[in-house]
Amino acid sequence: MSTQQDQPLTDTAKKTLVKFLNGYIDASKLRDASLLSATLHPSCTRKIAPSSFLTHLGAPADIVFDNKAYEGQYSKEAPVVGTISADITHTVVQIQPGGLTASARTLYVQRFTDGTDFTLDIAWFLKFSPDGTQITEILEFVDSLGSVQYHKKIEEELAKLEKKD
């Protein structure tokens, strides 16, 4: 449980959280996948849930991404879609016995190159470095049905792009 004396630390973590969540907009605008990792510790791990979503996509249910692997996947999709806005709600930052943690919900509006907009609904659960300036662990819980439809659209748009080449 956080106390008043913990306020500077939780404020720092909240700034880190918001910068991380808005990193998708920055990465899209600047076409730079490394911006997704700007607030992440070099050894940060990322898990995506639920596992049924991953298996539907043909990925191992227990896959863990490091920063470079996640940036690589993002870079593959970036030619056909980008994040244009983020509605960040339900943010909670707290100090628990296991360390500094946060959770949030985001509604990201993604725009495809054909002009189609798609909203992704994601719940985030994060762990931080002791000073709150870096994220050390990410659990990204996606809306399964919406994310499956989103990835189907990515595949369709990438296929169209390949035909042009």
Foldseek 3Di string as FASTA:
>chain_A
DDDPVCVVQQVLLVVLVVQLVCLQQVCLVVVNLCSNQPQADQQAKEAEDDLVLQVVVVHHSGDIDGSVRVSVVCNLLSVFKGWNDKDKDPWDWDQDPVGTKIKIWIWTWMATPVGDTATWIWIWIFHADRSSRHTRYIYIYTDRVSVVVVVVVSVVRVVVVVVVD
